[in-house]
Amino acid sequence: MNNQFVGKVSVAEVLTYVFLVLIVVFTFVPILFMFCSSFMDAKQILAMPFKWVPSKDYFTTSSRTFLTNFVKAIRGNNNNNIFFRAMLNSLIVAVTCAATTVFFSALCGYGLAKFHFKGRNVVFMAIMSTMMIPFEAIMIPLYMVSKTLGIMNTLPGLIIPFAVSAFGVFQMRQYLLTFPSEFLDASRVDGLGEFNIFLRIVLPNSTPVIATLGILSFRNQWDNLLWPMLCAQAEKLKTIPIYISGFAEEKQTDEGALMACAFLASIPMFILFFTLSKYFLGGAAVFESRKG
């Protein structure tokens, strides 16, 4: 019976590893396809079956250079040369939104987790209910409010509507519910005010959840297409998603330049994730240790 049990466990482990490998393959194949396609022309990209490595003749053709697609991606589909400006705009918006989301969500989550007041659960449920409202439902009212405030076609107009998120409040509250209250009580005995406790005790000891929320907030704004298309009509305020969509709006799409542009736009996300990966991946271990 024990042998049968061991055999069942072994089969389960093998199936688990196979399943995880399949997930990895399905995750990385599109990224690999994007990278390989960024060095090909449309004919090579659309060829069936797809050749992951172009033929030698492709690179020796006099009319073709190895980095042609990347040059086109940086110049733009109409040679406006605003790629680096679009990257800068996206970085400013994404970094600012990530920072404000982390700070305000942590502040709100700290209050909901560690302070007991009448109606606390009602406030929390009211915040959570906003997660059920799709952005498309509030897009027009948000546009009208932004226009009234005079922040259309400005960077604040791209940032302010996403300065805090209900999901961020939920994530920070759930994490801070497990935060030892003894640390907070000891700080109060030492004479620290509540805001100083938040800045000097709570935030420095919430690195895993801050890294997780920061990465997710950065990614959401880095990929945001709908609101910048509505709010930022000026050429100088275009973000990377709008810039990339410009290649698809051509009468004859340049798939190679489109893939090159998408690859270049993915680099900041890779850098951010691998920089904060030890905190991002360590968050689960912290939760489990506190539960124990």
C-alpha atoms as a PDB file:
ATOM      1  CA  MET A   1       0.000   0.000   0.000  1.00  0.00           C
ATOM      2  CA  ASN A   2       2.879   2.321   0.802  1.00  0.00           C
ATOM      3  CA  ASN A   3       4.481   1.503  -2.546  1.00  0.00           C
ATOM      4  CA  GLN A   4       1.236   2.339  -4.319  1.00  0.00           C
ATOM      5  CA  PHE A   5       1.080   5.605  -2.433  1.00  0.00           C
ATOM      6  CA  VAL A   6       4.665   6.462  -3.397  1.00  0.00           C
ATOM      7  CA  GLY A   7       3.882   5.612  -6.992  1.00  0.00           C
ATOM      8  CA  LYS A   8       0.846   7.859  -6.984  1.00  0.00           C
ATOM      9  CA  VAL A   9       2.866  10.700  -5.514  1.00  0.00           C
ATOM     10  CA  SER A  10       5.548  10.243  -8.170  1.00  0.00           C
ATOM     11  CA  VAL A  11       3.003  10.316 -10.971  1.00  0.00           C
ATOM     12  CA  ALA A  12       1.426  13.429  -9.467  1.00  0.00           C
ATOM     13  CA  GLU A  13       4.814  15.122  -9.279  1.00  0.00           C
ATOM     14  CA  VAL A  14       5.594  14.250 -12.888  1.00  0.00           C
ATOM     15  CA  LEU A  15       2.244  15.604 -14.031  1.00  0.00           C
ATOM     16  CA  THR A  16       2.834  18.747 -12.006  1.00  0.00           C
ATOM     17  CA  TYR A  17       6.224  19.332 -13.619  1.00  0.00           C
ATOM     18  CA  VAL A  18       4.788  18.670 -17.085  1.00  0.00           C
ATOM     19  CA  PHE A  19       2.006  21.151 -16.411  1.00  0.00           C
ATOM     20  CA  LEU A  20       4.480  23.785 -15.192  1.00  0.00           C
ATOM     21  CA  VAL A  21       6.712  23.235 -18.221  1.00  0.00           C
ATOM     22  CA  LEU A  22       3.725  23.736 -20.521  1.00  0.00           C
ATOM     23  CA  ILE A  23       2.882  26.970 -18.748  1.00  0.00           C
ATOM     24  CA  VAL A  24       6.477  28.174 -19.186  1.00  0.00           C
ATOM     25  CA  VAL A  25       6.416  27.244 -22.882  1.00  0.00           C
ATOM     26  CA  PHE A  26       3.110  29.009 -23.517  1.00  0.00           C
ATOM     27  CA  THR A  27       4.432  32.045 -21.650  1.00  0.00           C
ATOM     28  CA  PHE A  28       7.789  32.377 -23.382  1.00  0.00           C
ATOM     29  CA  VAL A  29       6.945  31.292 -26.941  1.00  0.00           C
ATOM     30  CA  PRO A  30       5.147  34.606 -27.739  1.00  0.00           C
ATOM     31  CA  ILE A  31       8.109  36.531 -26.315  1.00  0.00           C
ATOM     32  CA  LEU A  32      10.546  34.452 -28.364  1.00  0.00           C
ATOM     33  CA  PHE A  33       8.379  34.941 -31.446  1.00  0.00           C
ATOM     34  CA  MET A  34       8.396  38.710 -30.907  1.00  0.00           C
ATOM     35  CA  PHE A  35      12.183  38.743 -30.526  1.00  0.00           C
ATOM     36  CA  CYS A  36      12.861  36.591 -33.619  1.00  0.00           C
ATOM     37  CA  SER A  37      10.311  38.470 -35.728  1.00  0.00           C
ATOM     38  CA  SER A  38      11.885  41.818 -34.880  1.00  0.00           C
ATOM     39  CA  PHE A  39      14.804  40.877 -37.181  1.00  0.00           C
ATOM     40  CA  MET A  40      12.618  39.681 -40.097  1.00  0.00           C
ATOM     41  CA  ASP A  41      10.538  41.252 -42.800  1.00  0.00           C
ATOM     42  CA  ALA A  42       6.817  40.672 -43.318  1.00  0.00           C
ATOM     43  CA  LYS A  43       7.377  37.803 -45.733  1.00  0.00           C
ATOM     44  CA  GLN A  44       9.515  35.916 -43.215  1.00  0.00           C
ATOM     45  CA  ILE A  45       7.127  36.621 -40.334  1.00  0.00           C
ATOM     46  CA  LEU A  46       3.999  35.481 -42.168  1.00  0.00           C
ATOM     47  CA  ALA A  47       5.617  32.418 -43.734  1.00  0.00           C
ATOM     48  CA  MET A  48       4.091  29.070 -42.797  1.00  0.00           C
ATOM     49  CA  PRO A  49       5.640  27.181 -41.184  1.00  0.00           C
ATOM     50  CA  PHE A  50       7.383  29.919 -39.270  1.00  0.00           C
ATOM     51  CA  LYS A  51      11.192  29.736 -39.329  1.00  0.00           C
ATOM     52  CA  TRP A  52      12.605  30.825 -36.009  1.00  0.00           C
ATOM     53  CA  VAL A  53      15.996  31.569 -37.569  1.00  0.00           C
ATOM     54  CA  PRO A  54      16.010  33.382 -40.953  1.00  0.00           C
ATOM     55  CA  SER A  55      17.978  31.941 -43.826  1.00  0.00           C
ATOM     56  CA  LYS A  56      21.546  33.109 -44.477  1.00  0.00           C
ATOM     57  CA  ASP A  57      20.486  34.799 -47.718  1.00  0.00           C
ATOM     58  CA  TYR A  58      18.202  37.072 -45.715  1.00  0.00           C
ATOM     59  CA  PHE A  59      21.122  38.673 -43.881  1.00  0.00           C
ATOM     60  CA  THR A  60      23.394  38.882 -46.926  1.00  0.00           C
ATOM     61  CA  THR A  61      20.906  40.774 -49.088  1.00  0.00           C
ATOM     62  CA  SER A  62      22.385  44.164 -49.948  1.00  0.00           C
ATOM     63  CA  SER A  63      19.068  45.949 -49.473  1.00  0.00           C
ATOM     64  CA  ARG A  64      18.612  44.573 -45.982  1.00  0.00           C
ATOM     65  CA  THR A  65      20.489  45.345 -42.765  1.00  0.00           C
ATOM     66  CA  PHE A  66      20.315  43.446 -39.515  1.00  0.00           C
ATOM     67  CA  LEU A  67      18.748  46.300 -37.526  1.00  0.00           C
ATOM     68  CA  THR A  68      16.482  47.807 -40.183  1.00  0.00           C
ATOM     69  CA  ASN A  69      13.312  47.054 -38.217  1.00  0.00           C
ATOM     70  CA  PHE A  70      14.700  48.719 -35.108  1.00  0.00           C
ATOM     71  CA  VAL A  71      15.643  51.825 -37.091  1.00  0.00           C
ATOM     72  CA  LYS A  72      12.098  51.978 -38.483  1.00  0.00           C
ATOM     73  CA  ALA A  73      10.670  51.420 -35.018  1.00  0.00           C
ATOM     74  CA  ILE A  74      12.597  54.377 -33.610  1.00  0.00           C
ATOM     75  CA  ARG A  75      11.859  56.662 -36.563  1.00  0.00           C
ATOM     76  CA  GLY A  76       8.132  55.949 -36.443  1.00  0.00           C
ATOM     77  CA  ASN A  77       5.678  54.982 -39.139  1.00  0.00           C
ATOM     78  CA  ASN A  78       5.606  58.577 -40.413  1.00  0.00           C
ATOM     79  CA  ASN A  79       9.242  59.425 -39.576  1.00  0.00           C
ATOM     80  CA  ASN A  80       8.221  61.643 -36.667  1.00  0.00           C
ATOM     81  CA  ASN A  81      11.113  60.399 -34.472  1.00  0.00           C
ATOM     82  CA  ILE A  82       9.140  60.577 -31.213  1.00  0.00           C
ATOM     83  CA  PHE A  83       9.933  57.063 -29.973  1.00  0.00           C
ATOM     84  CA  PHE A  84      12.177  58.202 -27.127  1.00  0.00           C
ATOM     85  CA  ARG A  85       9.698  60.942 -26.191  1.00  0.00           C
ATOM     86  CA  ALA A  86       6.924  58.339 -26.042  1.00  0.00           C
ATOM     87  CA  MET A  87       9.140  56.097 -23.899  1.00  0.00           C
ATOM     88  CA  LEU A  88       9.868  59.000 -21.554  1.00  0.00           C
ATOM     89  CA  ASN A  89       6.162  59.880 -21.280  1.00  0.00           C
ATOM     90  CA  SER A  90       5.287  56.279 -20.464  1.00  0.00           C
ATOM     91  CA  LEU A  91       8.065  56.077 -17.880  1.00  0.00           C
ATOM     92  CA  ILE A  92       6.946  59.288 -16.172  1.00  0.00           C
ATOM     93  CA  VAL A  93       3.308  58.194 -16.079  1.00  0.00           C
ATOM     94  CA  ALA A  94       3.995  54.587 -15.044  1.00  0.00           C
ATOM     95  CA  VAL A  95       6.577  55.415 -12.354  1.00  0.00           C
ATOM     96  CA  THR A  96       4.481  58.230 -10.867  1.00  0.00           C
ATOM     97  CA  CYS A  97       1.291  56.151 -10.845  1.00  0.00           C
ATOM     98  CA  ALA A  98       3.136  53.211  -9.291  1.00  0.00           C
ATOM     99  CA  ALA A  99       4.632  55.428  -6.561  1.00  0.00           C
ATOM    100  CA  THR A 100       1.359  57.180  -5.708  1.00  0.00           C
ATOM    101  CA  THR A 101      -0.601  53.931  -5.815  1.00  0.00           C
ATOM    102  CA  VAL A 102       1.825  52.263  -3.404  1.00  0.00           C
ATOM    103  CA  PHE A 103       1.887  55.220  -1.000  1.00  0.00           C
ATOM    104  CA  PHE A 104      -1.830  56.004  -0.872  1.00  0.00           C
ATOM    105  CA  SER A 105      -2.862  52.339  -0.929  1.00  0.00           C
ATOM    106  CA  ALA A 106      -0.477  51.590   1.945  1.00  0.00           C
ATOM    107  CA  LEU A 107      -1.772  54.585   3.896  1.00  0.00           C
ATOM    108  CA  CYS A 108      -5.389  53.587   3.374  1.00  0.00           C
ATOM    109  CA  GLY A 109      -4.693  49.897   3.961  1.00  0.00           C
ATOM    110  CA  TYR A 110      -2.846  50.719   7.189  1.00  0.00           C
ATOM    111  CA  GLY A 111      -5.824  52.678   8.480  1.00  0.00           C
ATOM    112  CA  LEU A 112      -8.296  49.939   7.568  1.00  0.00           C
ATOM    113  CA  ALA A 113      -6.131  47.172   9.015  1.00  0.00           C
ATOM    114  CA  LYS A 114      -4.842  48.657  12.270  1.00  0.00           C
ATOM    115  CA  PHE A 115      -7.395  51.263  13.351  1.00  0.00           C
ATOM    116  CA  HIS A 116     -10.771  50.268  14.752  1.00  0.00           C
ATOM    117  CA  PHE A 117     -13.545  52.757  14.052  1.00  0.00           C
ATOM    118  CA  LYS A 118     -17.250  52.630  13.388  1.00  0.00           C
ATOM    119  CA  GLY A 119     -18.075  51.793   9.793  1.00  0.00           C
ATOM    120  CA  ARG A 120     -14.604  50.442   8.977  1.00  0.00           C
ATOM    121  CA  ASN A 121     -15.948  47.396   7.163  1.00  0.00           C
ATOM    122  CA  VAL A 122     -18.508  49.514   5.319  1.00  0.00           C
ATOM    123  CA  VAL A 123     -15.740  51.782   4.045  1.00  0.00           C
ATOM    124  CA  PHE A 124     -13.678  48.799   2.971  1.00  0.00           C
ATOM    125  CA  MET A 125     -16.593  47.176   1.131  1.00  0.00           C
ATOM    126  CA  ALA A 126     -17.407  50.486  -0.566  1.00  0.00           C
ATOM    127  CA  ILE A 127     -13.847  50.696  -1.851  1.00  0.00           C
ATOM    128  CA  MET A 128     -13.941  47.070  -2.993  1.00  0.00           C
ATOM    129  CA  SER A 129     -17.231  47.609  -4.837  1.00  0.00           C
ATOM    130  CA  THR A 130     -15.525  50.028  -7.198  1.00  0.00           C
ATOM    131  CA  MET A 131     -13.495  47.101  -8.547  1.00  0.00           C
ATOM    132  CA  MET A 132     -16.704  45.745 -10.079  1.00  0.00           C
ATOM    133  CA  ILE A 133     -17.186  48.846 -12.237  1.00  0.00           C
ATOM    134  CA  PRO A 134     -15.447  48.542 -15.635  1.00  0.00           C
ATOM    135  CA  PHE A 135     -13.300  51.458 -16.699  1.00  0.00           C
ATOM    136  CA  GLU A 136     -15.387  51.888 -19.864  1.00  0.00           C
ATOM    137  CA  ALA A 137     -18.394  52.767 -17.668  1.00  0.00           C
ATOM    138  CA  ILE A 138     -16.631  55.714 -16.002  1.00  0.00           C
ATOM    139  CA  MET A 139     -14.457  56.748 -18.947  1.00  0.00           C
ATOM    140  CA  ILE A 140     -16.778  59.491 -20.253  1.00  0.00           C
ATOM    141  CA  PRO A 141     -17.539  60.993 -16.803  1.00  0.00           C
ATOM    142  CA  LEU A 142     -13.812  60.898 -16.072  1.00  0.00           C
ATOM    143  CA  TYR A 143     -13.146  62.666 -19.357  1.00  0.00           C
ATOM    144  CA  MET A 144     -15.675  65.382 -18.512  1.00  0.00           C
ATOM    145  CA  VAL A 145     -14.193  65.877 -15.033  1.00  0.00           C
ATOM    146  CA  SER A 146     -10.669  66.082 -16.452  1.00  0.00           C
ATOM    147  CA  LYS A 147     -11.791  68.592 -19.062  1.00  0.00           C
ATOM    148  CA  THR A 148     -13.480  70.718 -16.399  1.00  0.00           C
ATOM    149  CA  LEU A 149     -10.315  70.671 -14.293  1.00  0.00           C
ATOM    150  CA  GLY A 150      -8.251  71.677 -17.316  1.00  0.00           C
ATOM    151  CA  ILE A 151      -5.888  68.718 -17.183  1.00  0.00           C
ATOM    152  CA  MET A 152      -6.592  67.322 -20.629  1.00  0.00           C
ATOM    153  CA  ASN A 153      -3.511  67.040 -22.852  1.00  0.00           C
ATOM    154  CA  THR A 154      -1.241  67.199 -19.811  1.00  0.00           C
ATOM    155  CA  LEU A 155       0.810  64.654 -17.889  1.00  0.00           C
ATOM    156  CA  PRO A 156      -1.272  65.219 -14.718  1.00  0.00           C
ATOM    157  CA  GLY A 157      -4.312  64.256 -16.775  1.00  0.00           C
ATOM    158  CA  LEU A 158      -2.675  60.894 -17.485  1.00  0.00           C
ATOM    159  CA  ILE A 159      -1.558  60.373 -13.877  1.00  0.00           C
ATOM    160  CA  ILE A 160      -4.223  61.690 -11.473  1.00  0.00           C
ATOM    161  CA  PRO A 161      -7.063  59.280 -12.432  1.00  0.00           C
ATOM    162  CA  PHE A 162      -4.774  56.327 -11.594  1.00  0.00           C
ATOM    163  CA  ALA A 163      -2.989  57.712  -8.530  1.00  0.00           C
ATOM    164  CA  VAL A 164      -4.641  55.082  -6.315  1.00  0.00           C
ATOM    165  CA  SER A 165      -6.460  51.812  -6.921  1.00  0.00           C
ATOM    166  CA  ALA A 166      -9.009  49.759  -5.014  1.00  0.00           C
ATOM    167  CA  PHE A 167      -6.981  46.629  -5.681  1.00  0.00           C
ATOM    168  CA  GLY A 168      -3.938  48.286  -4.130  1.00  0.00           C
ATOM    169  CA  VAL A 169      -5.930  49.154  -1.005  1.00  0.00           C
ATOM    170  CA  PHE A 170      -7.164  45.561  -0.786  1.00  0.00           C
ATOM    171  CA  GLN A 171      -3.671  44.125  -1.225  1.00  0.00           C
ATOM    172  CA  MET A 172      -2.081  46.405   1.365  1.00  0.00           C
ATOM    173  CA  ARG A 173      -4.870  45.874   3.890  1.00  0.00           C
ATOM    174  CA  GLN A 174      -4.653  42.105   3.630  1.00  0.00           C
ATOM    175  CA  TYR A 175      -0.895  42.229   4.111  1.00  0.00           C
ATOM    176  CA  LEU A 176      -1.010  44.660   7.024  1.00  0.00           C
ATOM    177  CA  LEU A 177      -3.621  42.583   8.845  1.00  0.00           C
ATOM    178  CA  THR A 178      -0.766  40.136   9.470  1.00  0.00           C
ATOM    179  CA  PHE A 179       1.642  42.892  10.539  1.00  0.00           C
ATOM    180  CA  PRO A 180       2.537  42.446  14.254  1.00  0.00           C
ATOM    181  CA  SER A 181       0.681  45.072  16.277  1.00  0.00           C
ATOM    182  CA  GLU A 182       3.317  44.748  19.025  1.00  0.00           C
ATOM    183  CA  PHE A 183       5.771  46.714  16.845  1.00  0.00           C
ATOM    184  CA  LEU A 184       3.262  49.527  16.513  1.00  0.00           C
ATOM    185  CA  ASP A 185       2.470  49.592  20.237  1.00  0.00           C
ATOM    186  CA  ALA A 186       6.169  49.703  21.096  1.00  0.00           C
ATOM    187  CA  SER A 187       6.658  52.613  18.707  1.00  0.00           C
ATOM    188  CA  ARG A 188       3.785  54.508  20.308  1.00  0.00           C
ATOM    189  CA  VAL A 189       5.316  53.944  23.736  1.00  0.00           C
ATOM    190  CA  ASP A 190       8.580  55.397  22.402  1.00  0.00           C
ATOM    191  CA  GLY A 191       6.678  58.538  21.405  1.00  0.00           C
ATOM    192  CA  LEU A 192       6.395  58.138  17.636  1.00  0.00           C
ATOM    193  CA  GLY A 193       3.343  59.683  15.991  1.00  0.00           C
ATOM    194  CA  GLU A 194       1.100  57.608  13.757  1.00  0.00           C
ATOM    195  CA  PHE A 195       2.425  59.052  10.515  1.00  0.00           C
ATOM    196  CA  ASN A 196       6.026  58.493  11.612  1.00  0.00           C
ATOM    197  CA  ILE A 197       5.122  54.921  12.545  1.00  0.00           C
ATOM    198  CA  PHE A 198       3.715  54.466   9.078  1.00  0.00           C
ATOM    199  CA  LEU A 199       6.808  55.917   7.386  1.00  0.00           C
ATOM    200  CA  ARG A 200       9.510  54.428   9.620  1.00  0.00           C
ATOM    201  CA  ILE A 201       8.017  51.103  10.714  1.00  0.00           C
ATOM    202  CA  VAL A 202       5.249  49.975   8.383  1.00  0.00           C
ATOM    203  CA  LEU A 203       6.637  50.888   4.958  1.00  0.00           C
ATOM    204  CA  PRO A 204      10.210  49.589   5.475  1.00  0.00           C
ATOM    205  CA  ASN A 205       8.808  46.236   6.662  1.00  0.00           C
ATOM    206  CA  SER A 206       6.335  45.870   3.795  1.00  0.00           C
ATOM    207  CA  THR A 207       8.867  45.515   0.992  1.00  0.00           C
ATOM    208  CA  PRO A 208       7.438  42.338  -0.615  1.00  0.00           C
ATOM    209  CA  VAL A 209       3.907  43.662  -1.015  1.00  0.00           C
ATOM    210  CA  ILE A 210       5.189  47.101  -2.045  1.00  0.00           C
ATOM    211  CA  ALA A 211       7.326  45.520  -4.775  1.00  0.00           C
ATOM    212  CA  THR A 212       4.404  43.402  -5.965  1.00  0.00           C
ATOM    213  CA  LEU A 213       1.974  46.300  -6.053  1.00  0.00           C
ATOM    214  CA  GLY A 214       4.568  48.568  -7.657  1.00  0.00           C
ATOM    215  CA  ILE A 215       5.264  46.106 -10.476  1.00  0.00           C
ATOM    216  CA  LEU A 216       1.565  45.513 -11.146  1.00  0.00           C
ATOM    217  CA  SER A 217       0.763  49.245 -11.103  1.00  0.00           C
ATOM    218  CA  PHE A 218       3.693  50.039 -13.370  1.00  0.00           C
ATOM    219  CA  ARG A 219       2.629  47.342 -15.835  1.00  0.00           C
ATOM    220  CA  ASN A 220      -0.989  48.517 -15.876  1.00  0.00           C
ATOM    221  CA  GLN A 221       0.017  52.051 -16.812  1.00  0.00           C
ATOM    222  CA  TRP A 222       2.774  50.975 -19.174  1.00  0.00           C
ATOM    223  CA  ASP A 223       0.163  48.975 -21.128  1.00  0.00           C
ATOM    224  CA  ASN A 224      -2.631  51.539 -20.794  1.00  0.00           C
ATOM    225  CA  LEU A 225      -3.928  52.457 -24.237  1.00  0.00           C
ATOM    226  CA  LEU A 226      -7.542  53.578 -23.866  1.00  0.00           C
ATOM    227  CA  TRP A 227      -7.178  56.545 -21.521  1.00  0.00           C
ATOM    228  CA  PRO A 228      -4.071  58.074 -23.193  1.00  0.00           C
ATOM    229  CA  MET A 229      -5.848  57.868 -26.555  1.00  0.00           C
ATOM    230  CA  LEU A 230      -8.722  59.836 -25.063  1.00  0.00           C
ATOM    231  CA  CYS A 231      -6.790  62.247 -22.875  1.00  0.00           C
ATOM    232  CA  ALA A 232      -3.534  62.883 -24.754  1.00  0.00           C
ATOM    233  CA  GLN A 233      -4.253  64.223 -28.226  1.00  0.00           C
ATOM    234  CA  ALA A 234      -1.016  66.197 -28.511  1.00  0.00           C
ATOM    235  CA  GLU A 235       1.872  64.543 -30.339  1.00  0.00           C
ATOM    236  CA  LYS A 236       4.310  65.341 -27.531  1.00  0.00           C
ATOM    237  CA  LEU A 237       2.186  63.449 -24.978  1.00  0.00           C
ATOM    238  CA  LYS A 238       1.907  60.161 -26.831  1.00  0.00           C
ATOM    239  CA  THR A 239       2.779  57.094 -24.801  1.00  0.00           C
ATOM    240  CA  ILE A 240       4.302  53.829 -26.000  1.00  0.00           C
ATOM    241  CA  PRO A 241       0.977  51.958 -26.487  1.00  0.00           C
ATOM    242  CA  ILE A 242      -0.294  54.772 -28.716  1.00  0.00           C
ATOM    243  CA  TYR A 243       3.024  54.840 -30.550  1.00  0.00           C
ATOM    244  CA  ILE A 244       2.855  51.083 -31.214  1.00  0.00           C
ATOM    245  CA  SER A 245      -0.773  51.246 -32.325  1.00  0.00           C
ATOM    246  CA  GLY A 246       0.318  53.749 -34.967  1.00  0.00           C
ATOM    247  CA  PHE A 247       2.113  50.962 -36.840  1.00  0.00           C
ATOM    248  CA  ALA A 248      -1.092  48.911 -36.979  1.00  0.00           C
ATOM    249  CA  GLU A 249      -3.060  51.869 -38.362  1.00  0.00           C
ATOM    250  CA  GLU A 250      -1.059  51.968 -41.567  1.00  0.00           C
ATOM    251  CA  LYS A 251      -2.687  50.855 -44.812  1.00  0.00           C
ATOM    252  CA  GLN A 252       0.093  48.290 -45.120  1.00  0.00           C
ATOM    253  CA  THR A 253       1.390  47.268 -41.715  1.00  0.00           C
ATOM    254  CA  ASP A 254       5.130  46.792 -41.354  1.00  0.00           C
ATOM    255  CA  GLU A 255       5.092  43.684 -39.168  1.00  0.00           C
ATOM    256  CA  GLY A 256       8.863  43.676 -38.691  1.00  0.00           C
ATOM    257  CA  ALA A 257       9.006  47.252 -37.393  1.00  0.00           C
ATOM    258  CA  LEU A 258       5.929  46.573 -35.265  1.00  0.00           C
ATOM    259  CA  MET A 259       7.621  43.601 -33.615  1.00  0.00           C
ATOM    260  CA  ALA A 260      10.838  45.564 -33.109  1.00  0.00           C
ATOM    261  CA  CYS A 261       8.916  48.386 -31.474  1.00  0.00           C
ATOM    262  CA  ALA A 262       7.051  45.947 -29.230  1.00  0.00           C
ATOM    263  CA  PHE A 263      10.335  44.328 -28.211  1.00  0.00           C
ATOM    264  CA  LEU A 264      11.934  47.676 -27.343  1.00  0.00           C
ATOM    265  CA  ALA A 265       8.839  48.656 -25.361  1.00  0.00           C
ATOM    266  CA  SER A 266       9.062  45.411 -23.357  1.00  0.00           C
ATOM    267  CA  ILE A 267      12.610  46.043 -22.120  1.00  0.00           C
ATOM    268  CA  PRO A 268      11.658  48.370 -19.199  1.00  0.00           C
ATOM    269  CA  MET A 269       9.189  45.782 -17.895  1.00  0.00           C
ATOM    270  CA  PHE A 270      11.838  43.060 -17.981  1.00  0.00           C
ATOM    271  CA  ILE A 271      14.324  45.316 -16.189  1.00  0.00           C
ATOM    272  CA  LEU A 272      11.785  46.238 -13.518  1.00  0.00           C
ATOM    273  CA  PHE A 273      10.716  42.659 -12.867  1.00  0.00           C
ATOM    274  CA  PHE A 274      14.216  41.188 -12.658  1.00  0.00           C
ATOM    275  CA  THR A 275      15.357  44.070 -10.456  1.00  0.00           C
ATOM    276  CA  LEU A 276      12.544  43.517  -7.953  1.00  0.00           C
ATOM    277  CA  SER A 277      12.069  39.780  -8.494  1.00  0.00           C
ATOM    278  CA  LYS A 278      13.617  38.772  -5.152  1.00  0.00           C
ATOM    279  CA  TYR A 279      11.026  40.900  -3.338  1.00  0.00           C
ATOM    280  CA  PHE A 280       8.212  39.958  -5.715  1.00  0.00           C
ATOM    281  CA  LEU A 281       8.825  36.217  -5.382  1.00  0.00           C
ATOM    282  CA  GLY A 282       9.608  36.461  -1.674  1.00  0.00           C
ATOM    283  CA  GLY A 283       6.204  37.861  -0.810  1.00  0.00           C
ATOM    284  CA  ALA A 284       4.528  34.441  -0.742  1.00  0.00           C
ATOM    285  CA  ALA A 285       7.124  33.100   1.705  1.00  0.00           C
ATOM    286  CA  VAL A 286       6.514  36.039   4.040  1.00  0.00           C
ATOM    287  CA  PHE A 287       2.768  35.412   4.027  1.00  0.00           C
ATOM    288  CA  GLU A 288       3.248  31.718   4.754  1.00  0.00           C
ATOM    289  CA  SER A 289       5.694  32.319   7.604  1.00  0.00           C
ATOM    290  CA  ARG A 290       3.319  34.783   9.266  1.00  0.00           C
ATOM    291  CA  LYS A 291       0.428  32.372   8.958  1.00  0.00           C
ATOM    292  CA  GLY A 292       2.531  29.756  10.711  1.00  0.00           C
END
